[in-house]
N, C-alpha and C. Protein backbone atom coordinates (compact mmCIF):
# COMPACT_ATOMS: atom_id res chain seq x y z
N UNK A 1 14.55 -17.30 2.04
CA UNK A 1 13.42 -17.86 2.74
C UNK A 1 13.42 -17.41 4.21
N UNK A 2 14.60 -17.39 4.83
CA UNK A 2 14.69 -16.96 6.22
C UNK A 2 14.31 -15.49 6.37
N UNK A 3 14.72 -14.68 5.40
CA UNK A 3 14.40 -13.26 5.46
C UNK A 3 12.91 -13.02 5.28
N UNK A 4 12.29 -13.79 4.39
CA UNK A 4 10.84 -13.67 4.22
C UNK A 4 10.12 -14.04 5.51
N UNK A 5 10.52 -15.11 6.12
CA UNK A 5 9.89 -15.53 7.38
C UNK A 5 10.11 -14.48 8.47
N UNK A 6 11.31 -13.91 8.52
CA UNK A 6 11.59 -12.86 9.51
C UNK A 6 10.76 -11.62 9.23
N UNK A 7 10.64 -11.26 7.94
CA UNK A 7 9.82 -10.11 7.56
C UNK A 7 8.37 -10.32 8.00
N UNK A 8 7.80 -11.48 7.66
CA UNK A 8 6.41 -11.77 8.00
C UNK A 8 6.19 -11.84 9.51
N UNK A 9 7.12 -12.45 10.22
CA UNK A 9 6.99 -12.55 11.69
C UNK A 9 7.08 -11.18 12.34
N UNK A 10 8.00 -10.35 11.86
CA UNK A 10 8.12 -9.00 12.42
C UNK A 10 6.90 -8.16 12.09
N UNK A 11 6.40 -8.28 10.88
CA UNK A 11 5.17 -7.57 10.51
C UNK A 11 4.03 -8.01 11.43
N UNK A 12 3.90 -9.31 11.62
CA UNK A 12 2.85 -9.85 12.49
C UNK A 12 2.99 -9.31 13.92
N UNK A 13 4.20 -9.31 14.43
CA UNK A 13 4.44 -8.81 15.80
C UNK A 13 4.06 -7.34 15.95
N UNK A 14 4.22 -6.57 14.88
CA UNK A 14 3.95 -5.13 14.95
C UNK A 14 2.55 -4.75 14.48
N UNK A 15 1.79 -5.74 14.04
CA UNK A 15 0.38 -5.55 13.69
C UNK A 15 -0.43 -6.10 14.85
N UNK A 16 -0.18 -5.59 15.99
CA UNK A 16 -0.75 -6.14 17.20
C UNK A 16 -2.18 -5.69 17.44
N UNK A 17 -2.92 -6.50 18.17
CA UNK A 17 -4.27 -6.10 18.58
C UNK A 17 -4.22 -5.01 19.63
N UNK A 18 -3.09 -4.87 20.28
CA UNK A 18 -2.92 -3.81 21.29
C UNK A 18 -1.71 -2.97 20.90
N UNK A 19 -1.94 -1.70 20.67
CA UNK A 19 -0.88 -0.78 20.29
C UNK A 19 -0.82 0.33 21.32
N UNK A 20 0.37 0.60 21.80
CA UNK A 20 0.56 1.64 22.81
C UNK A 20 -0.39 1.43 23.99
N UNK A 21 -0.63 0.18 24.34
CA UNK A 21 -1.48 -0.12 25.49
C UNK A 21 -2.97 -0.02 25.23
N UNK A 22 -3.37 0.38 24.05
CA UNK A 22 -4.80 0.53 23.74
C UNK A 22 -5.24 -0.59 22.80
N UNK A 23 -6.45 -1.05 22.98
CA UNK A 23 -7.00 -2.10 22.13
C UNK A 23 -7.19 -1.57 20.71
N UNK A 24 -6.70 -2.32 19.74
CA UNK A 24 -6.84 -1.95 18.33
C UNK A 24 -7.32 -3.18 17.58
N UNK A 25 -8.59 -3.53 17.73
CA UNK A 25 -9.08 -4.77 17.15
C UNK A 25 -9.22 -4.74 15.63
N UNK A 26 -9.22 -3.59 15.00
CA UNK A 26 -9.41 -3.53 13.56
C UNK A 26 -8.09 -3.56 12.80
N UNK A 27 -7.15 -2.69 13.15
CA UNK A 27 -5.89 -2.60 12.42
C UNK A 27 -4.92 -3.63 12.97
N UNK A 28 -5.21 -4.89 12.70
CA UNK A 28 -4.46 -6.00 13.26
C UNK A 28 -4.01 -6.93 12.13
N UNK A 29 -3.34 -8.00 12.52
CA UNK A 29 -2.84 -8.96 11.55
C UNK A 29 -3.96 -9.52 10.67
N UNK A 30 -5.10 -9.78 11.27
CA UNK A 30 -6.23 -10.33 10.49
C UNK A 30 -6.63 -9.35 9.39
N UNK A 31 -6.67 -8.07 9.71
CA UNK A 31 -7.02 -7.05 8.71
C UNK A 31 -5.97 -7.03 7.59
N UNK A 32 -4.70 -7.07 7.97
CA UNK A 32 -3.63 -7.07 6.96
C UNK A 32 -3.75 -8.29 6.05
N UNK A 33 -4.00 -9.44 6.64
CA UNK A 33 -4.14 -10.66 5.84
C UNK A 33 -5.36 -10.59 4.93
N UNK A 34 -6.45 -10.03 5.44
CA UNK A 34 -7.68 -9.90 4.65
C UNK A 34 -7.45 -9.01 3.44
N UNK A 35 -6.81 -7.87 3.65
CA UNK A 35 -6.58 -6.94 2.54
C UNK A 35 -5.59 -7.55 1.53
N UNK A 36 -4.56 -8.22 2.02
CA UNK A 36 -3.60 -8.87 1.12
C UNK A 36 -4.27 -9.98 0.31
N UNK A 37 -5.15 -10.72 0.95
CA UNK A 37 -5.86 -11.79 0.25
C UNK A 37 -6.82 -11.22 -0.79
N UNK A 38 -7.48 -10.13 -0.44
CA UNK A 38 -8.38 -9.46 -1.38
C UNK A 38 -7.60 -8.94 -2.59
N UNK A 39 -6.45 -8.34 -2.33
CA UNK A 39 -5.61 -7.86 -3.44
C UNK A 39 -5.20 -9.04 -4.33
N UNK A 40 -4.85 -10.14 -3.72
CA UNK A 40 -4.47 -11.33 -4.48
C UNK A 40 -5.61 -11.79 -5.38
N UNK A 41 -6.82 -11.81 -4.83
CA UNK A 41 -7.99 -12.21 -5.63
C UNK A 41 -8.18 -11.28 -6.82
N UNK A 42 -8.04 -9.98 -6.60
CA UNK A 42 -8.17 -9.03 -7.71
C UNK A 42 -7.07 -9.26 -8.75
N UNK A 43 -5.84 -9.46 -8.28
CA UNK A 43 -4.73 -9.65 -9.20
C UNK A 43 -4.88 -10.91 -10.06
N UNK A 44 -5.61 -11.87 -9.56
CA UNK A 44 -5.81 -13.12 -10.29
C UNK A 44 -6.95 -13.04 -11.31
N UNK A 45 -7.70 -11.95 -11.30
CA UNK A 45 -8.77 -11.77 -12.29
C UNK A 45 -8.15 -11.52 -13.66
N UNK A 46 -8.77 -12.06 -14.69
CA UNK A 46 -8.21 -11.97 -16.04
C UNK A 46 -7.98 -10.53 -16.48
N UNK A 47 -8.95 -9.66 -16.26
CA UNK A 47 -8.82 -8.26 -16.68
C UNK A 47 -7.68 -7.57 -15.93
N UNK A 48 -7.54 -7.88 -14.64
CA UNK A 48 -6.46 -7.29 -13.86
C UNK A 48 -5.11 -7.77 -14.38
N UNK A 49 -5.07 -9.00 -14.84
CA UNK A 49 -3.81 -9.53 -15.36
C UNK A 49 -3.33 -8.71 -16.55
N UNK A 50 -4.26 -8.28 -17.39
CA UNK A 50 -3.86 -7.49 -18.56
C UNK A 50 -3.49 -6.07 -18.18
N UNK A 51 -4.00 -5.60 -17.05
CA UNK A 51 -3.73 -4.23 -16.63
C UNK A 51 -2.50 -4.13 -15.74
N UNK A 52 -2.42 -5.00 -14.76
CA UNK A 52 -1.47 -4.77 -13.67
C UNK A 52 -0.38 -5.81 -13.49
N UNK A 53 -0.60 -7.03 -13.88
CA UNK A 53 0.35 -8.06 -13.51
C UNK A 53 1.37 -8.38 -14.60
N UNK A 54 1.44 -7.53 -15.61
CA UNK A 54 2.47 -7.71 -16.63
C UNK A 54 3.84 -7.34 -16.08
N UNK A 55 3.86 -6.67 -14.94
CA UNK A 55 5.09 -6.23 -14.30
C UNK A 55 5.19 -6.92 -12.94
N UNK A 56 6.07 -7.92 -12.81
CA UNK A 56 6.17 -8.64 -11.53
C UNK A 56 6.53 -7.73 -10.36
N UNK A 57 7.30 -6.69 -10.61
CA UNK A 57 7.66 -5.77 -9.53
C UNK A 57 6.43 -5.03 -9.02
N UNK A 58 5.54 -4.63 -9.94
CA UNK A 58 4.29 -3.97 -9.55
C UNK A 58 3.41 -4.92 -8.74
N UNK A 59 3.34 -6.17 -9.17
CA UNK A 59 2.56 -7.16 -8.44
C UNK A 59 3.12 -7.35 -7.03
N UNK A 60 4.43 -7.45 -6.93
CA UNK A 60 5.08 -7.60 -5.63
C UNK A 60 4.80 -6.38 -4.75
N UNK A 61 4.91 -5.19 -5.32
CA UNK A 61 4.63 -3.97 -4.56
C UNK A 61 3.18 -3.93 -4.10
N UNK A 62 2.27 -4.35 -4.95
CA UNK A 62 0.85 -4.36 -4.58
C UNK A 62 0.60 -5.31 -3.41
N UNK A 63 1.24 -6.45 -3.43
CA UNK A 63 1.04 -7.41 -2.35
C UNK A 63 1.66 -6.92 -1.04
N UNK A 64 2.86 -6.36 -1.11
CA UNK A 64 3.50 -5.84 0.11
C UNK A 64 2.72 -4.65 0.64
N UNK A 65 2.33 -3.72 -0.23
CA UNK A 65 1.57 -2.54 0.22
C UNK A 65 0.23 -2.94 0.82
N UNK A 66 -0.43 -3.92 0.22
CA UNK A 66 -1.73 -4.33 0.76
C UNK A 66 -1.57 -4.95 2.13
N UNK A 67 -0.50 -5.67 2.33
CA UNK A 67 -0.25 -6.28 3.64
C UNK A 67 0.18 -5.22 4.67
N UNK A 68 0.93 -4.23 4.25
CA UNK A 68 1.56 -3.30 5.19
C UNK A 68 0.86 -1.94 5.28
N UNK A 69 -0.26 -1.75 4.62
CA UNK A 69 -0.88 -0.43 4.52
C UNK A 69 -1.30 0.17 5.87
N UNK A 70 -1.47 -0.64 6.89
CA UNK A 70 -1.80 -0.13 8.24
C UNK A 70 -0.76 -0.58 9.26
N UNK A 71 0.45 -0.84 8.81
CA UNK A 71 1.52 -1.36 9.66
C UNK A 71 1.80 -0.43 10.84
N UNK A 72 1.79 -1.00 12.03
CA UNK A 72 2.04 -0.29 13.29
C UNK A 72 1.00 0.82 13.55
N UNK A 73 -0.21 0.60 13.09
CA UNK A 73 -1.29 1.58 13.28
C UNK A 73 -1.48 1.86 14.76
N UNK A 74 -1.70 3.10 15.08
CA UNK A 74 -1.81 3.52 16.48
C UNK A 74 -3.24 3.46 17.01
N UNK A 75 -4.18 3.11 16.18
CA UNK A 75 -5.55 2.95 16.66
C UNK A 75 -6.34 4.24 16.77
N UNK A 76 -5.83 5.31 16.18
CA UNK A 76 -6.53 6.59 16.16
C UNK A 76 -6.53 7.11 14.72
N UNK A 77 -7.28 8.17 14.48
CA UNK A 77 -7.38 8.71 13.12
C UNK A 77 -6.35 9.81 12.87
N UNK A 78 -6.18 10.14 11.61
CA UNK A 78 -5.33 11.28 11.25
C UNK A 78 -5.84 12.54 11.94
N UNK A 79 -7.14 12.75 11.88
CA UNK A 79 -7.72 13.95 12.48
C UNK A 79 -7.43 14.02 13.98
N UNK A 80 -7.51 12.90 14.67
CA UNK A 80 -7.20 12.88 16.10
C UNK A 80 -5.75 13.32 16.32
N UNK A 81 -4.83 12.76 15.54
CA UNK A 81 -3.41 13.10 15.70
C UNK A 81 -3.15 14.57 15.39
N UNK A 82 -3.82 15.10 14.38
CA UNK A 82 -3.65 16.50 14.01
C UNK A 82 -4.21 17.41 15.10
N UNK A 83 -5.41 17.10 15.56
CA UNK A 83 -6.05 17.90 16.61
C UNK A 83 -5.24 17.88 17.90
N UNK A 84 -4.68 16.72 18.22
CA UNK A 84 -3.89 16.58 19.45
C UNK A 84 -2.48 17.15 19.28
N UNK A 85 -2.17 17.63 18.09
CA UNK A 85 -0.83 18.13 17.78
C UNK A 85 0.23 17.09 18.14
N UNK A 86 -0.09 15.85 17.79
CA UNK A 86 0.80 14.73 18.05
C UNK A 86 2.10 14.91 17.27
N UNK A 87 3.16 14.36 17.80
CA UNK A 87 4.47 14.44 17.16
C UNK A 87 4.45 13.88 15.74
N UNK A 88 3.68 12.82 15.52
CA UNK A 88 3.57 12.22 14.19
C UNK A 88 2.91 13.19 13.20
N UNK A 89 1.89 13.91 13.66
CA UNK A 89 1.23 14.90 12.81
C UNK A 89 2.20 16.04 12.47
N UNK A 90 2.97 16.44 13.44
CA UNK A 90 3.97 17.50 13.22
C UNK A 90 5.01 17.03 12.21
N UNK A 91 5.49 15.81 12.40
CA UNK A 91 6.52 15.26 11.51
C UNK A 91 6.04 15.23 10.07
N UNK A 92 4.77 14.90 9.86
CA UNK A 92 4.24 14.77 8.50
C UNK A 92 3.40 15.97 8.07
N UNK A 93 3.53 17.08 8.78
CA UNK A 93 2.88 18.34 8.40
C UNK A 93 1.38 18.19 8.18
N UNK A 94 0.74 17.39 9.03
CA UNK A 94 -0.72 17.21 9.02
C UNK A 94 -1.26 16.62 7.72
N UNK A 95 -0.41 16.02 6.91
CA UNK A 95 -0.85 15.47 5.62
C UNK A 95 -0.68 13.95 5.61
N UNK A 96 -1.79 13.24 5.45
CA UNK A 96 -1.76 11.77 5.39
C UNK A 96 -0.83 11.20 6.46
N UNK A 97 -1.04 11.65 7.66
CA UNK A 97 -0.13 11.37 8.77
C UNK A 97 0.12 9.87 8.96
N UNK A 98 -0.95 9.12 9.17
CA UNK A 98 -0.78 7.68 9.42
C UNK A 98 -0.26 6.95 8.18
N UNK A 99 -0.74 7.31 7.02
CA UNK A 99 -0.33 6.64 5.79
C UNK A 99 1.17 6.85 5.53
N UNK A 100 1.65 8.05 5.78
CA UNK A 100 3.09 8.31 5.64
C UNK A 100 3.88 7.51 6.68
N UNK A 101 3.32 7.43 7.88
CA UNK A 101 3.94 6.63 8.93
C UNK A 101 4.01 5.15 8.52
N UNK A 102 2.89 4.61 8.02
CA UNK A 102 2.86 3.20 7.60
C UNK A 102 3.89 2.94 6.50
N UNK A 103 3.97 3.83 5.53
CA UNK A 103 4.92 3.67 4.43
C UNK A 103 6.36 3.73 4.94
N UNK A 104 6.64 4.68 5.81
CA UNK A 104 8.00 4.81 6.35
C UNK A 104 8.38 3.60 7.19
N UNK A 105 7.46 3.14 8.01
CA UNK A 105 7.75 1.98 8.86
C UNK A 105 7.90 0.71 8.02
N UNK A 106 7.14 0.60 6.94
CA UNK A 106 7.29 -0.53 6.04
C UNK A 106 8.68 -0.53 5.44
N UNK A 107 9.11 0.63 4.96
CA UNK A 107 10.45 0.73 4.35
C UNK A 107 11.53 0.45 5.38
N UNK A 108 11.34 0.94 6.59
CA UNK A 108 12.31 0.69 7.66
C UNK A 108 12.45 -0.82 7.88
N UNK A 109 11.33 -1.53 7.91
CA UNK A 109 11.38 -2.97 8.09
C UNK A 109 12.05 -3.66 6.90
N UNK A 110 11.72 -3.20 5.70
CA UNK A 110 12.33 -3.80 4.50
C UNK A 110 13.84 -3.56 4.44
N UNK A 111 14.33 -2.54 5.10
CA UNK A 111 15.76 -2.26 5.11
C UNK A 111 16.50 -3.01 6.21
N UNK A 112 15.78 -3.55 7.18
CA UNK A 112 16.44 -4.29 8.25
C UNK A 112 17.15 -5.51 7.65
N UNK A 113 18.42 -5.69 7.94
CA UNK A 113 19.18 -6.78 7.30
C UNK A 113 18.52 -8.15 7.42
N UNK A 114 17.91 -8.44 8.54
CA UNK A 114 17.30 -9.76 8.74
C UNK A 114 15.96 -9.90 8.02
N UNK A 115 15.39 -8.78 7.54
CA UNK A 115 14.06 -8.79 6.89
C UNK A 115 14.10 -8.27 5.46
N UNK A 116 15.27 -8.04 4.93
CA UNK A 116 15.42 -7.36 3.64
C UNK A 116 15.09 -8.29 2.47
N UNK A 117 13.81 -8.45 2.22
CA UNK A 117 13.36 -9.33 1.14
C UNK A 117 13.53 -8.68 -0.24
N UNK A 118 14.02 -7.46 -0.26
CA UNK A 118 14.24 -6.76 -1.53
C UNK A 118 15.72 -6.58 -1.84
N UNK A 119 16.58 -7.26 -1.09
CA UNK A 119 18.01 -7.05 -1.23
C UNK A 119 18.56 -7.40 -2.62
N UNK A 120 17.88 -8.26 -3.34
CA UNK A 120 18.38 -8.66 -4.67
C UNK A 120 17.87 -7.76 -5.79
N UNK A 121 17.07 -6.76 -5.46
CA UNK A 121 16.62 -5.82 -6.48
C UNK A 121 17.76 -4.87 -6.81
N UNK A 122 17.92 -4.56 -8.10
CA UNK A 122 18.93 -3.57 -8.45
C UNK A 122 18.42 -2.19 -8.04
N UNK A 123 19.27 -1.20 -8.13
CA UNK A 123 18.94 0.15 -7.65
C UNK A 123 17.69 0.70 -8.32
N UNK A 124 17.58 0.54 -9.62
CA UNK A 124 16.43 1.06 -10.36
C UNK A 124 15.14 0.37 -9.92
N UNK A 125 15.15 -0.95 -9.81
CA UNK A 125 13.96 -1.67 -9.38
C UNK A 125 13.61 -1.36 -7.94
N UNK A 126 14.61 -1.20 -7.11
CA UNK A 126 14.38 -0.87 -5.70
C UNK A 126 13.67 0.48 -5.57
N UNK A 127 14.13 1.45 -6.36
CA UNK A 127 13.48 2.77 -6.33
C UNK A 127 12.06 2.69 -6.86
N UNK A 128 11.86 1.94 -7.93
CA UNK A 128 10.51 1.79 -8.50
C UNK A 128 9.60 1.07 -7.51
N UNK A 129 10.10 0.04 -6.88
CA UNK A 129 9.33 -0.70 -5.88
C UNK A 129 8.95 0.21 -4.71
N UNK A 130 9.90 0.97 -4.24
CA UNK A 130 9.64 1.90 -3.12
C UNK A 130 8.56 2.92 -3.51
N UNK A 131 8.70 3.50 -4.71
CA UNK A 131 7.72 4.49 -5.17
C UNK A 131 6.33 3.88 -5.26
N UNK A 132 6.24 2.69 -5.84
CA UNK A 132 4.93 2.05 -5.98
C UNK A 132 4.31 1.75 -4.62
N UNK A 133 5.11 1.23 -3.69
CA UNK A 133 4.58 0.94 -2.34
C UNK A 133 4.09 2.20 -1.65
N UNK A 134 4.89 3.25 -1.71
CA UNK A 134 4.51 4.51 -1.06
C UNK A 134 3.21 5.04 -1.66
N UNK A 135 3.14 5.09 -3.00
CA UNK A 135 1.93 5.60 -3.65
C UNK A 135 0.70 4.77 -3.29
N UNK A 136 0.86 3.46 -3.22
CA UNK A 136 -0.26 2.60 -2.87
C UNK A 136 -0.71 2.82 -1.43
N UNK A 137 0.24 2.88 -0.53
CA UNK A 137 -0.12 3.09 0.89
C UNK A 137 -0.74 4.47 1.09
N UNK A 138 -0.18 5.49 0.46
CA UNK A 138 -0.74 6.84 0.60
C UNK A 138 -2.17 6.92 0.06
N UNK A 139 -2.49 6.08 -0.91
CA UNK A 139 -3.84 6.08 -1.49
C UNK A 139 -4.90 5.56 -0.51
N UNK A 140 -4.47 5.01 0.61
CA UNK A 140 -5.44 4.52 1.60
C UNK A 140 -5.93 5.62 2.52
N UNK A 141 -5.45 6.84 2.35
CA UNK A 141 -5.94 7.97 3.14
C UNK A 141 -7.36 8.29 2.68
N UNK A 142 -8.32 8.02 3.54
CA UNK A 142 -9.73 8.20 3.16
C UNK A 142 -10.08 9.64 2.81
N UNK A 143 -9.33 10.60 3.33
CA UNK A 143 -9.62 11.99 3.00
C UNK A 143 -9.31 12.30 1.54
N UNK A 144 -8.58 11.42 0.89
CA UNK A 144 -8.23 11.62 -0.53
C UNK A 144 -9.03 10.72 -1.46
N UNK A 145 -9.95 9.94 -0.92
CA UNK A 145 -10.64 8.93 -1.73
C UNK A 145 -11.41 9.53 -2.90
N UNK A 146 -12.02 10.69 -2.71
CA UNK A 146 -12.78 11.28 -3.82
C UNK A 146 -11.86 11.69 -4.97
N UNK A 147 -10.65 12.10 -4.65
CA UNK A 147 -9.68 12.43 -5.71
C UNK A 147 -9.35 11.19 -6.54
N UNK A 148 -9.13 10.07 -5.87
CA UNK A 148 -8.83 8.83 -6.57
C UNK A 148 -10.03 8.34 -7.37
N UNK A 149 -11.21 8.44 -6.79
CA UNK A 149 -12.43 8.01 -7.48
C UNK A 149 -12.64 8.85 -8.74
N UNK A 150 -12.45 10.15 -8.65
CA UNK A 150 -12.60 11.04 -9.80
C UNK A 150 -11.60 10.66 -10.90
N UNK A 151 -10.35 10.44 -10.52
CA UNK A 151 -9.33 10.05 -11.50
C UNK A 151 -9.68 8.71 -12.15
N UNK A 152 -10.18 7.78 -11.34
CA UNK A 152 -10.55 6.46 -11.85
C UNK A 152 -11.74 6.56 -12.80
N UNK A 153 -12.74 7.35 -12.43
CA UNK A 153 -13.91 7.52 -13.31
C UNK A 153 -13.50 8.15 -14.63
N UNK A 154 -12.57 9.08 -14.58
CA UNK A 154 -12.06 9.70 -15.80
C UNK A 154 -11.35 8.66 -16.66
N UNK A 155 -10.52 7.85 -16.02
CA UNK A 155 -9.80 6.80 -16.74
C UNK A 155 -10.78 5.82 -17.38
N UNK A 156 -11.74 5.36 -16.62
CA UNK A 156 -12.68 4.35 -17.12
C UNK A 156 -13.67 4.91 -18.12
N UNK A 157 -13.93 6.20 -18.06
CA UNK A 157 -14.98 6.77 -18.88
C UNK A 157 -14.54 7.41 -20.18
N UNK A 158 -13.26 7.64 -20.35
CA UNK A 158 -12.84 8.34 -21.57
C UNK A 158 -12.94 7.41 -22.78
N UNK A 159 -13.41 7.97 -23.87
CA UNK A 159 -13.60 7.20 -25.10
C UNK A 159 -12.26 6.68 -25.61
N UNK A 160 -11.27 7.52 -25.61
CA UNK A 160 -9.96 7.08 -26.11
C UNK A 160 -9.39 6.01 -25.20
N UNK A 161 -9.65 6.12 -23.91
CA UNK A 161 -9.15 5.13 -22.96
C UNK A 161 -9.86 3.80 -23.18
N UNK A 162 -11.17 3.84 -23.46
CA UNK A 162 -11.90 2.60 -23.70
C UNK A 162 -11.33 1.87 -24.91
N UNK A 163 -10.97 2.64 -25.93
CA UNK A 163 -10.36 2.02 -27.11
C UNK A 163 -9.00 1.42 -26.75
N UNK A 164 -8.23 2.15 -25.97
CA UNK A 164 -6.92 1.64 -25.55
C UNK A 164 -7.08 0.40 -24.67
N UNK A 165 -8.10 0.40 -23.81
CA UNK A 165 -8.32 -0.74 -22.93
C UNK A 165 -8.67 -1.99 -23.75
N UNK A 166 -9.37 -1.80 -24.83
CA UNK A 166 -9.72 -2.94 -25.68
C UNK A 166 -8.46 -3.59 -26.23
N UNK A 167 -7.42 -2.78 -26.45
CA UNK A 167 -6.15 -3.29 -26.95
C UNK A 167 -5.17 -3.60 -25.83
N UNK A 168 -5.62 -3.47 -24.58
CA UNK A 168 -4.80 -3.76 -23.40
C UNK A 168 -3.52 -2.95 -23.36
N UNK A 169 -3.62 -1.67 -23.67
CA UNK A 169 -2.47 -0.78 -23.59
C UNK A 169 -2.68 0.16 -22.42
N UNK A 170 -1.94 -0.07 -21.37
CA UNK A 170 -2.10 0.72 -20.16
C UNK A 170 -0.78 1.37 -19.81
N UNK A 171 -0.87 2.59 -19.37
CA UNK A 171 0.34 3.26 -18.90
C UNK A 171 0.64 2.79 -17.48
N UNK A 172 1.84 3.07 -17.04
CA UNK A 172 2.22 2.76 -15.66
C UNK A 172 1.29 3.48 -14.68
N UNK A 173 0.93 4.73 -15.00
CA UNK A 173 0.04 5.50 -14.13
C UNK A 173 -1.35 4.88 -14.06
N UNK A 174 -1.84 4.38 -15.21
CA UNK A 174 -3.15 3.73 -15.23
C UNK A 174 -3.14 2.49 -14.34
N UNK A 175 -2.12 1.67 -14.48
CA UNK A 175 -2.03 0.44 -13.69
C UNK A 175 -1.93 0.76 -12.21
N UNK A 176 -1.14 1.77 -11.88
CA UNK A 176 -0.98 2.17 -10.47
C UNK A 176 -2.31 2.67 -9.92
N UNK A 177 -3.03 3.45 -10.69
CA UNK A 177 -4.33 3.96 -10.24
C UNK A 177 -5.31 2.82 -9.99
N UNK A 178 -5.32 1.85 -10.87
CA UNK A 178 -6.21 0.69 -10.67
C UNK A 178 -5.86 -0.02 -9.36
N UNK A 179 -4.58 -0.21 -9.11
CA UNK A 179 -4.17 -0.86 -7.86
C UNK A 179 -4.48 0.00 -6.65
N UNK A 180 -4.36 1.31 -6.78
CA UNK A 180 -4.73 2.20 -5.67
C UNK A 180 -6.20 2.07 -5.36
N UNK A 181 -7.02 1.94 -6.39
CA UNK A 181 -8.46 1.78 -6.17
C UNK A 181 -8.76 0.44 -5.49
N UNK A 182 -8.06 -0.60 -5.88
CA UNK A 182 -8.26 -1.90 -5.26
C UNK A 182 -7.89 -1.85 -3.78
N UNK A 183 -6.76 -1.24 -3.50
CA UNK A 183 -6.30 -1.16 -2.11
C UNK A 183 -7.17 -0.23 -1.30
């Protein structure tokens, strides 16, 4: 309980309205709470329960990723960082710069001893949780949205998939894609 409170307080402190001295009224704690609450509402829908919430680890990853998807946002766009040849853009080779930063910073916080709310996960679950969080956060890169939309339309539109959906048989990739679309 203490670690959860420390995790949430640290996340709140780093989801500031002012980042690097500049006003950041959008990527703030309120935004994180709104997205996490929206994810929760989707997860509570009956159809989502059959797709995504059969795996508690996936549900946990979806909630953490939705809360942390803009963690420590700098208040500028990927394109701005790339054009400015910012150190962060260089570090991430101009690819999903902020999203990679958010994922890395989330993991850094989760590894902090006082905030390690995943310490009781075994190695396999920890790796799966990390992978799911990273994939979810990376899916928030708007430059990739059409790729996700195309994959989702393919998933939702295939005849064989519709038959499988009627029987509630979803692959891990299908469930992850649905959560990526929600986020």
